[in-house]
Amino acid sequence: ISAHNAIGDIFFIGGIPYLLMFLVLYFSTQLVLFRNRSDQICRLFFILNILFLANCMVASGSIYHPAISLPFWVSIVYANLKKNNYFNTNSDNYLL
């Protein structure tokens, strides 16, 4: 079975739980990026993720193909680092 789009692929691979996990991951990442929109990198990732979701609607395999999905997966890491204040300039956050 081929869905001819990435959202359908996720549904056929893992059903409703897998689709819901992806959507929660996507929207929670977007929420963190939107809240930190004063940062240029957050704004860039926010826009790239919107384009990524639009691409998922029309292209199959978008979530797994490295050329298409790399900015999305990197934005998840960046959003987690922003959420946990990793980029704070306090000396407490530096690893020695």
N, C-alpha and C. Protein backbone atom coordinates (compact mmCIF):
# COMPACT_ATOMS: atom_id res chain seq x y z
N ILE A 1 0.86 -1.18 0.00
CA ILE A 1 0.00 0.00 0.00
C ILE A 1 0.89 1.23 0.00
N SER A 2 0.62 2.12 -0.91
CA SER A 2 1.37 3.38 -0.98
C SER A 2 0.39 4.54 -0.88
N ALA A 3 0.72 5.48 -0.03
CA ALA A 3 -0.18 6.61 0.19
C ALA A 3 0.13 7.78 -0.74
N HIS A 4 1.29 7.78 -1.33
CA HIS A 4 1.75 8.87 -2.19
C HIS A 4 1.93 10.18 -1.45
N ASN A 5 1.96 10.13 -0.12
CA ASN A 5 2.37 11.27 0.69
C ASN A 5 2.92 10.75 2.01
N ALA A 6 3.70 11.57 2.69
CA ALA A 6 4.40 11.11 3.88
C ALA A 6 3.46 10.90 5.07
N ILE A 7 2.42 11.70 5.16
CA ILE A 7 1.48 11.54 6.27
C ILE A 7 0.77 10.20 6.16
N GLY A 8 0.36 9.83 4.97
CA GLY A 8 -0.24 8.51 4.75
C GLY A 8 0.74 7.39 5.00
N ASP A 9 2.00 7.59 4.62
CA ASP A 9 3.03 6.58 4.89
C ASP A 9 3.18 6.33 6.39
N ILE A 10 3.19 7.39 7.17
CA ILE A 10 3.30 7.24 8.62
C ILE A 10 2.10 6.46 9.16
N PHE A 11 0.93 6.77 8.65
CA PHE A 11 -0.27 6.07 9.09
C PHE A 11 -0.21 4.59 8.74
N PHE A 12 0.24 4.27 7.53
CA PHE A 12 0.30 2.87 7.12
C PHE A 12 1.42 2.11 7.82
N ILE A 13 2.48 2.80 8.23
CA ILE A 13 3.58 2.13 8.93
C ILE A 13 3.21 1.82 10.37
N GLY A 14 2.63 2.79 11.08
CA GLY A 14 2.40 2.59 12.51
C GLY A 14 1.01 2.85 13.00
N GLY A 15 0.10 3.17 12.12
CA GLY A 15 -1.27 3.41 12.54
C GLY A 15 -1.44 4.78 13.19
N ILE A 16 -2.56 4.89 13.88
CA ILE A 16 -2.90 6.16 14.52
C ILE A 16 -1.89 6.57 15.59
N PRO A 17 -1.37 5.63 16.44
CA PRO A 17 -0.40 6.06 17.44
C PRO A 17 0.87 6.69 16.84
N TYR A 18 1.37 6.10 15.78
CA TYR A 18 2.57 6.62 15.14
C TYR A 18 2.32 7.98 14.51
N LEU A 19 1.16 8.14 13.90
CA LEU A 19 0.79 9.42 13.31
C LEU A 19 0.65 10.49 14.39
N LEU A 20 0.00 10.14 15.49
CA LEU A 20 -0.17 11.10 16.59
C LEU A 20 1.17 11.48 17.21
N MET A 21 2.07 10.50 17.36
CA MET A 21 3.40 10.81 17.91
C MET A 21 4.15 11.78 17.01
N PHE A 22 4.07 11.57 15.70
CA PHE A 22 4.74 12.49 14.78
C PHE A 22 4.13 13.88 14.86
N LEU A 23 2.82 13.98 14.90
CA LEU A 23 2.17 15.28 14.96
C LEU A 23 2.47 16.01 16.26
N VAL A 24 2.50 15.29 17.37
CA VAL A 24 2.87 15.91 18.65
C VAL A 24 4.32 16.39 18.60
N LEU A 25 5.20 15.58 18.04
CA LEU A 25 6.60 15.98 17.91
C LEU A 25 6.73 17.22 17.03
N TYR A 26 6.02 17.24 15.92
CA TYR A 26 6.08 18.38 15.00
C TYR A 26 5.56 19.65 15.66
N PHE A 27 4.36 19.58 16.24
CA PHE A 27 3.75 20.79 16.78
C PHE A 27 4.42 21.27 18.07
N SER A 28 4.95 20.36 18.87
CA SER A 28 5.68 20.81 20.07
C SER A 28 6.99 21.48 19.66
N THR A 29 7.63 20.98 18.62
CA THR A 29 8.84 21.64 18.11
C THR A 29 8.51 23.01 17.56
N GLN A 30 7.44 23.10 16.81
CA GLN A 30 7.03 24.39 16.25
C GLN A 30 6.67 25.38 17.36
N LEU A 31 6.07 24.91 18.43
CA LEU A 31 5.70 25.78 19.54
C LEU A 31 6.94 26.37 20.21
N VAL A 32 7.94 25.54 20.44
CA VAL A 32 9.18 26.04 21.04
C VAL A 32 9.86 27.03 20.11
N LEU A 33 9.90 26.72 18.82
CA LEU A 33 10.53 27.63 17.87
C LEU A 33 9.76 28.94 17.77
N PHE A 34 8.44 28.89 17.83
CA PHE A 34 7.64 30.11 17.76
C PHE A 34 7.83 30.98 19.00
N ARG A 35 7.90 30.35 20.15
CA ARG A 35 8.10 31.11 21.39
C ARG A 35 9.46 31.80 21.43
N ASN A 36 10.43 31.26 20.73
CA ASN A 36 11.77 31.85 20.67
C ASN A 36 12.02 32.52 19.34
N ARG A 37 10.99 33.14 18.78
CA ARG A 37 11.09 33.71 17.43
C ARG A 37 12.01 34.92 17.35
N SER A 38 12.49 35.43 18.47
CA SER A 38 13.46 36.53 18.42
C SER A 38 14.83 36.03 17.93
N ASP A 39 15.05 34.74 18.05
CA ASP A 39 16.29 34.12 17.55
C ASP A 39 16.13 33.83 16.06
N GLN A 40 17.11 34.25 15.27
CA GLN A 40 17.03 34.08 13.82
C GLN A 40 17.00 32.61 13.42
N ILE A 41 17.74 31.78 14.11
CA ILE A 41 17.77 30.35 13.76
C ILE A 41 16.41 29.71 14.04
N CYS A 42 15.76 30.13 15.12
CA CYS A 42 14.42 29.61 15.41
C CYS A 42 13.44 30.02 14.33
N ARG A 43 13.53 31.26 13.87
CA ARG A 43 12.65 31.70 12.78
C ARG A 43 12.90 30.91 11.51
N LEU A 44 14.18 30.66 11.21
CA LEU A 44 14.52 29.89 10.02
C LEU A 44 13.97 28.46 10.11
N PHE A 45 14.18 27.80 11.23
CA PHE A 45 13.68 26.44 11.41
C PHE A 45 12.15 26.41 11.38
N PHE A 46 11.50 27.42 11.94
CA PHE A 46 10.05 27.48 11.94
C PHE A 46 9.50 27.50 10.51
N ILE A 47 10.07 28.35 9.68
CA ILE A 47 9.64 28.44 8.28
C ILE A 47 9.98 27.16 7.51
N LEU A 48 11.18 26.63 7.74
CA LEU A 48 11.57 25.38 7.07
C LEU A 48 10.65 24.22 7.45
N ASN A 49 10.21 24.19 8.70
CA ASN A 49 9.31 23.11 9.12
C ASN A 49 7.93 23.26 8.50
N ILE A 50 7.48 24.49 8.27
CA ILE A 50 6.22 24.68 7.57
C ILE A 50 6.33 24.15 6.15
N LEU A 51 7.44 24.47 5.49
CA LEU A 51 7.66 23.95 4.14
C LEU A 51 7.79 22.43 4.14
N PHE A 52 8.43 21.90 5.16
CA PHE A 52 8.58 20.45 5.29
C PHE A 52 7.21 19.77 5.41
N LEU A 53 6.32 20.33 6.24
CA LEU A 53 4.99 19.73 6.38
C LEU A 53 4.20 19.83 5.08
N ALA A 54 4.35 20.94 4.39
CA ALA A 54 3.68 21.07 3.09
C ALA A 54 4.21 20.04 2.10
N ASN A 55 5.51 19.78 2.15
CA ASN A 55 6.11 18.77 1.29
C ASN A 55 5.65 17.37 1.67
N CYS A 56 5.42 17.14 2.95
CA CYS A 56 4.93 15.83 3.39
C CYS A 56 3.55 15.52 2.84
N MET A 57 2.79 16.55 2.54
CA MET A 57 1.44 16.34 2.02
C MET A 57 1.44 15.83 0.57
N VAL A 58 2.54 16.08 -0.15
CA VAL A 58 2.55 15.71 -1.57
C VAL A 58 3.64 14.73 -1.97
N ALA A 59 4.63 14.50 -1.12
CA ALA A 59 5.75 13.63 -1.50
C ALA A 59 5.87 12.47 -0.53
N SER A 60 5.94 11.29 -1.06
CA SER A 60 6.10 10.10 -0.24
C SER A 60 7.56 9.95 0.20
N GLY A 61 7.77 9.52 1.42
CA GLY A 61 9.12 9.30 1.94
C GLY A 61 9.82 10.54 2.41
N SER A 62 9.13 11.65 2.52
CA SER A 62 9.76 12.91 2.91
C SER A 62 10.34 12.87 4.32
N ILE A 63 9.71 12.13 5.19
CA ILE A 63 10.15 12.11 6.58
C ILE A 63 11.45 11.35 6.74
N TYR A 64 11.71 10.41 5.86
CA TYR A 64 12.89 9.56 6.01
C TYR A 64 14.02 9.91 5.06
N HIS A 65 13.76 10.66 4.03
CA HIS A 65 14.80 11.00 3.06
C HIS A 65 15.69 12.10 3.65
N PRO A 66 17.01 11.86 3.73
CA PRO A 66 17.90 12.83 4.39
C PRO A 66 17.93 14.21 3.75
N ALA A 67 17.81 14.28 2.45
CA ALA A 67 17.90 15.58 1.78
C ALA A 67 16.69 16.45 2.10
N ILE A 68 15.56 15.83 2.37
CA ILE A 68 14.34 16.58 2.63
C ILE A 68 14.13 16.79 4.13
N SER A 69 14.42 15.79 4.93
CA SER A 69 14.04 15.83 6.35
C SER A 69 15.14 16.31 7.28
N LEU A 70 16.36 16.47 6.81
CA LEU A 70 17.45 16.86 7.71
C LEU A 70 17.17 18.15 8.48
N PRO A 71 16.70 19.22 7.86
CA PRO A 71 16.41 20.42 8.66
C PRO A 71 15.34 20.19 9.72
N PHE A 72 14.38 19.33 9.45
CA PHE A 72 13.35 19.03 10.45
C PHE A 72 13.95 18.34 11.66
N TRP A 73 14.75 17.32 11.44
CA TRP A 73 15.33 16.58 12.57
C TRP A 73 16.34 17.43 13.33
N VAL A 74 17.07 18.28 12.64
CA VAL A 74 18.00 19.20 13.32
C VAL A 74 17.21 20.23 14.13
N SER A 75 16.07 20.67 13.61
CA SER A 75 15.26 21.65 14.35
C SER A 75 14.70 21.05 15.65
N ILE A 76 14.45 19.75 15.66
CA ILE A 76 14.00 19.11 16.90
C ILE A 76 15.09 19.18 17.96
N VAL A 77 16.31 18.90 17.56
CA VAL A 77 17.43 18.99 18.49
C VAL A 77 17.62 20.42 18.96
N TYR A 78 17.58 21.37 18.04
CA TYR A 78 17.77 22.78 18.39
C TYR A 78 16.65 23.27 19.31
N ALA A 79 15.41 22.87 19.05
CA ALA A 79 14.30 23.28 19.90
C ALA A 79 14.44 22.70 21.31
N ASN A 80 14.90 21.46 21.41
CA ASN A 80 15.13 20.88 22.73
C ASN A 80 16.23 21.60 23.48
N LEU A 81 17.29 21.98 22.78
CA LEU A 81 18.35 22.73 23.43
C LEU A 81 17.87 24.11 23.87
N LYS A 82 17.05 24.76 23.06
CA LYS A 82 16.49 26.06 23.43
C LYS A 82 15.54 25.93 24.61
N LYS A 83 14.74 24.89 24.60
CA LYS A 83 13.77 24.69 25.68
C LYS A 83 14.47 24.46 27.01
N ASN A 84 15.58 23.78 26.98
CA ASN A 84 16.33 23.47 28.20
C ASN A 84 17.38 24.52 28.53
N ASN A 85 17.33 25.67 27.87
CA ASN A 85 18.25 26.79 28.11
C ASN A 85 19.71 26.38 27.99
N TYR A 86 20.02 25.54 27.04
CA TYR A 86 21.41 25.12 26.84
C TYR A 86 22.28 26.28 26.38
N PHE A 87 21.70 27.24 25.67
CA PHE A 87 22.46 28.35 25.14
C PHE A 87 22.57 29.51 26.12
N ASN A 88 22.17 29.29 27.35
CA ASN A 88 22.29 30.32 28.38
C ASN A 88 23.77 30.60 28.63
N THR A 89 24.11 31.83 28.89
CA THR A 89 25.53 32.20 29.03
C THR A 89 26.06 32.02 30.44
N ASN A 90 25.25 31.49 31.36
CA ASN A 90 25.74 31.24 32.72
C ASN A 90 26.81 30.17 32.69
N SER A 91 27.77 30.30 33.58
CA SER A 91 28.87 29.33 33.61
C SER A 91 28.41 27.97 34.11
N ASP A 92 27.21 27.88 34.72
CA ASP A 92 26.72 26.61 35.24
C ASP A 92 26.42 25.62 34.12
N ASN A 93 26.14 26.11 32.92
CA ASN A 93 25.75 25.22 31.83
C ASN A 93 26.92 24.70 31.02
N TYR A 94 28.12 25.15 31.28
CA TYR A 94 29.26 24.70 30.52
C TYR A 94 29.79 23.39 31.08
N LEU A 95 30.13 22.50 30.20
CA LEU A 95 30.72 21.23 30.63
C LEU A 95 32.23 21.43 30.74
N LEU A 96 32.78 21.02 31.85
CA LEU A 96 34.24 21.16 32.04
C LEU A 96 34.91 19.82 32.03
